[in-house]
PDB file of N, CA and C in Angstrom:
ATOM      1  N   MET A   1       0.642  -1.010   0.045  1.00  0.00           N
ATOM      2  CA  MET A   1      -0.071  -0.010  -0.212  1.00  0.00           C
ATOM      3  C   MET A   1       0.723   1.256  -0.132  1.00  0.00           C
ATOM      4  N   ALA A   2       2.208   1.095   0.730  1.00  0.00           N
ATOM      5  CA  ALA A   2       2.856   2.325   0.585  1.00  0.00           C
ATOM      6  C   ALA A   2       3.384   2.377  -0.712  1.00  0.00           C
ATOM      7  N   ASP A   3       3.826   1.542  -1.423  1.00  0.00           N
ATOM      8  CA  ASP A   3       4.034   1.858  -2.730  1.00  0.00           C
ATOM      9  C   ASP A   3       3.243   2.393  -3.463  1.00  0.00           C
ATOM     10  N   LEU A   4       1.803   2.186  -3.474  1.00  0.00           N
ATOM     11  CA  LEU A   4       1.075   2.756  -4.412  1.00  0.00           C
ATOM     12  C   LEU A   4       0.970   4.054  -3.915  1.00  0.00           C
ATOM     13  N   GLU A   5       1.020   4.518  -2.812  1.00  0.00           N
ATOM     14  CA  GLU A   5       0.486   5.925  -2.194  1.00  0.00           C
ATOM     15  C   GLU A   5       1.964   6.603  -2.977  1.00  0.00           C
ATOM     16  N   ALA A   6       3.349   6.023  -2.699  1.00  0.00           N
ATOM     17  CA  ALA A   6       4.329   6.679  -3.233  1.00  0.00           C
ATOM     18  C   ALA A   6       4.417   7.175  -4.646  1.00  0.00           C
ATOM     19  N   VAL A   7       4.090   5.732  -5.380  1.00  0.00           N
ATOM     20  CA  VAL A   7       3.548   5.967  -6.882  1.00  0.00           C
ATOM     21  C   VAL A   7       2.625   7.238  -7.278  1.00  0.00           C
ATOM     22  N   LEU A   8       1.772   7.186  -6.493  1.00  0.00           N
ATOM     23  CA  LEU A   8       0.704   8.027  -6.788  1.00  0.00           C
ATOM     24  C   LEU A   8       1.275   9.735  -6.342  1.00  0.00           C
ATOM     25  N   ALA A   9       1.982   9.876  -5.569  1.00  0.00           N
ATOM     26  CA  ALA A   9       2.743  11.350  -5.056  1.00  0.00           C
ATOM     27  C   ALA A   9       3.813  11.334  -6.118  1.00  0.00           C
ATOM     28  N   ASP A  10       4.319  10.553  -6.816  1.00  0.00           N
ATOM     29  CA  ASP A  10       5.201  10.883  -7.999  1.00  0.00           C
ATOM     30  C   ASP A  10       4.678  11.363  -9.306  1.00  0.00           C
ATOM     31  N   VAL A  11       3.405  10.520  -9.155  1.00  0.00           N
ATOM     32  CA  VAL A  11       2.524  11.006 -10.723  1.00  0.00           C
ATOM     33  C   VAL A  11       2.132  12.368 -10.547  1.00  0.00           C
ATOM     34  N   SER A  12       1.392  12.869  -9.151  1.00  0.00           N
ATOM     35  CA  SER A  12       0.808  13.831  -9.076  1.00  0.00           C
ATOM     36  C   SER A  12       1.979  14.932  -9.145  1.00  0.00           C
ATOM     37  N   TYR A  13       3.061  14.648  -8.562  1.00  0.00           N
ATOM     38  CA  TYR A  13       4.011  15.574  -8.754  1.00  0.00           C
ATOM     39  C   TYR A  13       4.614  15.711  -9.946  1.00  0.00           C
ATOM     40  N   LEU A  14       4.623  14.884 -10.977  1.00  0.00           N
ATOM     41  CA  LEU A  14       5.203  14.864 -12.654  1.00  0.00           C
ATOM     42  C   LEU A  14       3.979  15.516 -13.064  1.00  0.00           C
ATOM     43  N   MET A  15       2.860  15.388 -13.014  1.00  0.00           N
ATOM     44  CA  MET A  15       1.840  16.042 -13.679  1.00  0.00           C
ATOM     45  C   MET A  15       1.934  17.749 -13.283  1.00  0.00           C
ATOM     46  N   ALA A  16       2.132  17.906 -12.116  1.00  0.00           N
ATOM     47  CA  ALA A  16       2.122  19.237 -11.685  1.00  0.00           C
ATOM     48  C   ALA A  16       3.561  19.948 -12.144  1.00  0.00           C
ATOM     49  N   MET A  17       4.625  19.170 -12.564  1.00  0.00           N
ATOM     50  CA  MET A  17       5.682  20.082 -13.293  1.00  0.00           C
ATOM     51  C   MET A  17       5.319  20.193 -14.563  1.00  0.00           C
ATOM     52  N   GLU A  18       4.559  19.429 -15.347  1.00  0.00           N
ATOM     53  CA  GLU A  18       4.458  19.226 -16.782  1.00  0.00           C
ATOM     54  C   GLU A  18       3.262  20.426 -16.669  1.00  0.00           C
ATOM     55  N   LYS A  19       2.361  20.689 -15.820  1.00  0.00           N
ATOM     56  CA  LYS A  19       1.343  21.601 -16.082  1.00  0.00           C
ATOM     57  C   LYS A  19       2.402  22.938 -15.970  1.00  0.00           C
ATOM     58  N   SER A  20       2.999  23.212 -14.920  1.00  0.00           N
ATOM     59  CA  SER A  20       3.931  24.553 -14.586  1.00  0.00           C
ATOM     60  C   SER A  20       4.636  24.695 -15.715  1.00  0.00           C
ATOM     61  N   LYS A  21       4.881  23.934 -16.711  1.00  0.00           N
ATOM     62  CA  LYS A  21       6.117  23.946 -17.631  1.00  0.00           C
ATOM     63  C   LYS A  21       5.169  24.899 -18.918  1.00  0.00           C
ATOM     64  N   SER A  22       3.849  24.507 -19.027  1.00  0.00           N
ATOM     65  CA  SER A  22       3.225  25.031 -19.787  1.00  0.00           C
ATOM     66  C   SER A  22       2.264  26.575 -19.490  1.00  0.00           C
ATOM     67  N   THR A  23       2.484  26.790 -18.314  1.00  0.00           N
ATOM     68  CA  THR A  23       1.916  27.895 -17.979  1.00  0.00           C
ATOM     69  C   THR A  23       3.161  28.895 -17.486  1.00  0.00           C
ATOM     70  N   PRO A  24       3.189  30.241 -17.729  1.00  0.00           N
ATOM     71  CA  PRO A  24       4.945  30.847 -17.417  1.00  0.00           C
ATOM     72  C   PRO A  24       4.293  31.292 -15.926  1.00  0.00           C
ATOM     73  N   ALA A  25       5.465  31.467 -15.261  1.00  0.00           N
ATOM     74  CA  ALA A  25       5.331  31.721 -13.770  1.00  0.00           C
ATOM     75  C   ALA A  25       4.800  32.936 -13.628  1.00  0.00           C
ATOM     76  N   ALA A  26       4.584  33.340 -12.518  1.00  0.00           N
ATOM     77  CA  ALA A  26       3.815  34.845 -12.173  1.00  0.00           C
ATOM     78  C   ALA A  26       4.733  35.954 -12.318  1.00  0.00           C
ATOM     79  N   ARG A  27       6.126  35.583 -11.814  1.00  0.00           N
ATOM     80  CA  ARG A  27       6.973  36.802 -12.044  1.00  0.00           C
ATOM     81  C   ARG A  27       7.578  36.979 -13.556  1.00  0.00           C
ATOM     82  N   ALA A  28       7.528  35.802 -14.480  1.00  0.00           N
ATOM     83  CA  ALA A  28       7.880  35.858 -15.831  1.00  0.00           C
ATOM     84  C   ALA A  28       6.886  36.569 -16.573  1.00  0.00           C
ATOM     85  N   SER A  29       5.758  36.301 -16.338  1.00  0.00           N
ATOM     86  CA  SER A  29       4.543  36.987 -17.094  1.00  0.00           C
ATOM     87  C   SER A  29       4.708  38.823 -16.994  1.00  0.00           C
ATOM     88  N   LYS A  30       5.505  39.106 -15.941  1.00  0.00           N
ATOM     89  CA  LYS A  30       5.381  40.821 -15.743  1.00  0.00           C
ATOM     90  C   LYS A  30       6.347  41.112 -17.086  1.00  0.00           C
ATOM     91  N   LYS A  31       6.158  41.885 -17.738  1.00  0.00           N
ATOM     92  CA  LYS A  31       6.758  42.477 -18.788  1.00  0.00           C
ATOM     93  C   LYS A  31       7.781  43.685 -18.000  1.00  0.00           C
ATOM     94  N   ILE A  32       9.059  43.736 -18.507  1.00  0.00           N
ATOM     95  CA  ILE A  32       9.677  44.981 -18.162  1.00  0.00           C
ATOM     96  C   ILE A  32       9.691  45.760 -19.143  1.00  0.00           C
ATOM     97  N   ILE A  33       9.345  47.183 -18.657  1.00  0.00           N
ATOM     98  CA  ILE A  33       9.046  47.918 -20.045  1.00  0.00           C
ATOM     99  C   ILE A  33      10.716  48.915 -20.255  1.00  0.00           C
ATOM    100  N   LEU A  34      11.177  48.790 -20.969  1.00  0.00           N
ATOM    101  CA  LEU A  34      12.654  49.445 -21.423  1.00  0.00           C
ATOM    102  C   LEU A  34      12.366  50.591 -22.086  1.00  0.00           C
ATOM    103  N   PRO A  35      13.259  51.765 -22.002  1.00  0.00           N
ATOM    104  CA  PRO A  35      12.648  53.054 -22.710  1.00  0.00           C
ATOM    105  C   PRO A  35      13.379  52.795 -24.009  1.00  0.00           C
ATOM    106  N   GLU A  36      12.816  53.516 -25.037  1.00  0.00           N
ATOM    107  CA  GLU A  36      13.346  53.301 -26.333  1.00  0.00           C
ATOM    108  C   GLU A  36      14.825  53.824 -26.603  1.00  0.00           C
ATOM    109  N   PRO A  37      15.425  52.999 -26.929  1.00  0.00           N
ATOM    110  CA  PRO A  37      16.977  53.024 -27.491  1.00  0.00           C
ATOM    111  C   PRO A  37      17.345  53.903 -28.789  1.00  0.00           C
ATOM    112  N   SER A  38      16.492  54.746 -29.066  1.00  0.00           N
ATOM    113  CA  SER A  38      16.629  55.400 -30.303  1.00  0.00           C
ATOM    114  C   SER A  38      18.145  56.232 -30.193  1.00  0.00           C
ATOM    115  N   ILE A  39      18.338  56.293 -31.482  1.00  0.00           N
ATOM    116  CA  ILE A  39      19.788  57.017 -31.712  1.00  0.00           C
ATOM    117  C   ILE A  39      19.539  58.430 -30.794  1.00  0.00           C
ATOM    118  N   ARG A  40      18.433  59.161 -31.323  1.00  0.00           N
ATOM    119  CA  ARG A  40      18.054  60.484 -30.763  1.00  0.00           C
ATOM    120  C   ARG A  40      18.260  60.802 -29.422  1.00  0.00           C
ATOM    121  N   SER A  41      17.466  59.883 -28.618  1.00  0.00           N
ATOM    122  CA  SER A  41      17.737  59.647 -27.230  1.00  0.00           C
ATOM    123  C   SER A  41      19.070  59.243 -26.425  1.00  0.00           C
ATOM    124  N   VAL A  42      19.643  58.601 -27.072  1.00  0.00           N
ATOM    125  CA  VAL A  42      21.099  58.317 -26.859  1.00  0.00           C
ATOM    126  C   VAL A  42      21.956  59.431 -26.775  1.00  0.00           C
ATOM    127  N   MET A  43      21.604  60.099 -28.001  1.00  0.00           N
ATOM    128  CA  MET A  43      22.987  61.124 -28.262  1.00  0.00           C
ATOM    129  C   MET A  43      22.056  62.673 -27.546  1.00  0.00           C
ATOM    130  N   GLN A  44      21.172  62.610 -27.194  1.00  0.00           N
ATOM    131  CA  GLN A  44      20.507  64.064 -26.337  1.00  0.00           C
ATOM    132  C   GLN A  44      21.105  63.322 -24.746  1.00  0.00           C
ATOM    133  N   LYS A  45      20.991  62.440 -24.305  1.00  0.00           N
ATOM    134  CA  LYS A  45      21.580  61.988 -23.061  1.00  0.00           C
ATOM    135  C   LYS A  45      23.378  62.286 -23.087  1.00  0.00           C
ATOM    136  N   TYR A  46      24.162  61.819 -24.065  1.00  0.00           N
ATOM    137  CA  TYR A  46      25.284  62.044 -24.214  1.00  0.00           C
ATOM    138  C   TYR A  46      25.708  63.551 -24.160  1.00  0.00           C
ATOM    139  N   LEU A  47      24.972  64.163 -25.107  1.00  0.00           N
ATOM    140  CA  LEU A  47      25.337  65.802 -25.207  1.00  0.00           C
ATOM    141  C   LEU A  47      24.926  66.406 -23.999  1.00  0.00           C
ATOM    142  N   GLU A  48      23.914  65.997 -23.335  1.00  0.00           N
ATOM    143  CA  GLU A  48      23.553  66.514 -21.979  1.00  0.00           C
ATOM    144  C   GLU A  48      24.227  66.284 -20.985  1.00  0.00           C
ATOM    145  N   GLU A  49      24.938  65.060 -20.940  1.00  0.00           N
ATOM    146  CA  GLU A  49      26.141  64.944 -20.026  1.00  0.00           C
ATOM    147  C   GLU A  49      27.194  65.737 -19.872  1.00  0.00           C
ATOM    148  N   ARG A  50      27.590  66.307 -20.964  1.00  0.00           N
ATOM    149  CA  ARG A  50      28.762  67.008 -21.536  1.00  0.00           C
ATOM    150  C   ARG A  50      28.322  68.708 -21.725  1.00  0.00           C
ATOM    151  N   ASP A  51      27.385  68.845 -21.397  1.00  0.00           N
ATOM    152  CA  ASP A  51      27.086  70.072 -21.540  1.00  0.00           C
ATOM    153  C   ASP A  51      27.000  70.830 -22.923  1.00  0.00           C
ATOM    154  N   GLU A  52      26.977  70.057 -23.897  1.00  0.00           N
ATOM    155  CA  GLU A  52      26.939  70.440 -25.274  1.00  0.00           C
ATOM    156  C   GLU A  52      25.581  70.316 -25.968  1.00  0.00           C
ATOM    157  N   LEU A  53      24.710  70.400 -25.153  1.00  0.00           N
ATOM    158  CA  LEU A  53      23.382  70.464 -26.102  1.00  0.00           C
ATOM    159  C   LEU A  53      23.042  71.763 -26.298  1.00  0.00           C
ATOM    160  N   THR A  54      23.544  72.344 -27.245  1.00  0.00           N
ATOM    161  CA  THR A  54      23.474  73.558 -27.917  1.00  0.00           C
ATOM    162  C   THR A  54      22.946  73.405 -29.278  1.00  0.00           C
ATOM    163  N   PHE A  55      22.614  74.571 -30.035  1.00  0.00           N
ATOM    164  CA  PHE A  55      22.324  74.416 -31.495  1.00  0.00           C
ATOM    165  C   PHE A  55      23.681  74.565 -31.986  1.00  0.00           C
ATOM    166  N   ASP A  56      24.389  75.425 -31.619  1.00  0.00           N
ATOM    167  CA  ASP A  56      26.414  75.591 -31.983  1.00  0.00           C
ATOM    168  C   ASP A  56      26.841  74.336 -32.224  1.00  0.00           C
ATOM    169  N   LYS A  57      26.628  73.243 -31.307  1.00  0.00           N
ATOM    170  CA  LYS A  57      27.323  71.979 -31.303  1.00  0.00           C
ATOM    171  C   LYS A  57      26.642  70.838 -32.369  1.00  0.00           C
ATOM    172  N   ILE A  58      25.549  71.464 -32.139  1.00  0.00           N
ATOM    173  CA  ILE A  58      24.623  69.890 -32.969  1.00  0.00           C
ATOM    174  C   ILE A  58      24.802  70.246 -34.206  1.00  0.00           C
ATOM    175  N   PHE A  59      24.569  71.631 -34.851  1.00  0.00           N
ATOM    176  CA  PHE A  59      24.505  71.933 -36.141  1.00  0.00           C
ATOM    177  C   PHE A  59      25.709  72.390 -36.495  1.00  0.00           C
ATOM    178  N   ASN A  60      26.840  72.818 -35.558  1.00  0.00           N
ATOM    179  CA  ASN A  60      27.852  73.449 -36.052  1.00  0.00           C
ATOM    180  C   ASN A  60      27.810  74.727 -36.584  1.00  0.00           C
ATOM    181  N   GLN A  61      26.861  75.404 -36.428  1.00  0.00           N
ATOM    182  CA  GLN A  61      26.689  76.971 -37.046  1.00  0.00           C
ATOM    183  C   GLN A  61      26.345  77.773 -35.917  1.00  0.00           C
ATOM    184  N   LYS A  62      26.584  79.267 -36.121  1.00  0.00           N
ATOM    185  CA  LYS A  62      26.218  79.804 -35.242  1.00  0.00           C
ATOM    186  C   LYS A  62      24.744  80.741 -35.918  1.00  0.00           C
ATOM    187  N   ILE A  63      23.820  81.106 -34.546  1.00  0.00           N
ATOM    188  CA  ILE A  63      22.632  81.414 -35.139  1.00  0.00           C
ATOM    189  C   ILE A  63      22.817  82.891 -35.518  1.00  0.00           C
TER     190      ILE A  63
END
C-alpha cells in the first residue's frame, strides 16, 4: 500500500511539473518596459552629460 501511495505522489508531482511548464510563472509574465533606445535619445543624453546640447554644437553653426 505504501508503494501505491508513493507512486501516486510521484505521478501527481510529475503532472504538476508538466502543468507548470505550460503556464509561465507569475513573475515571468510581468514584462519589464525599457526606454526606447533610439539614436536621438542616446545622443541627447550623451550631449546633456557633457553640457554640449546647444544649437552651435549640434549643427556646427552660429545663429
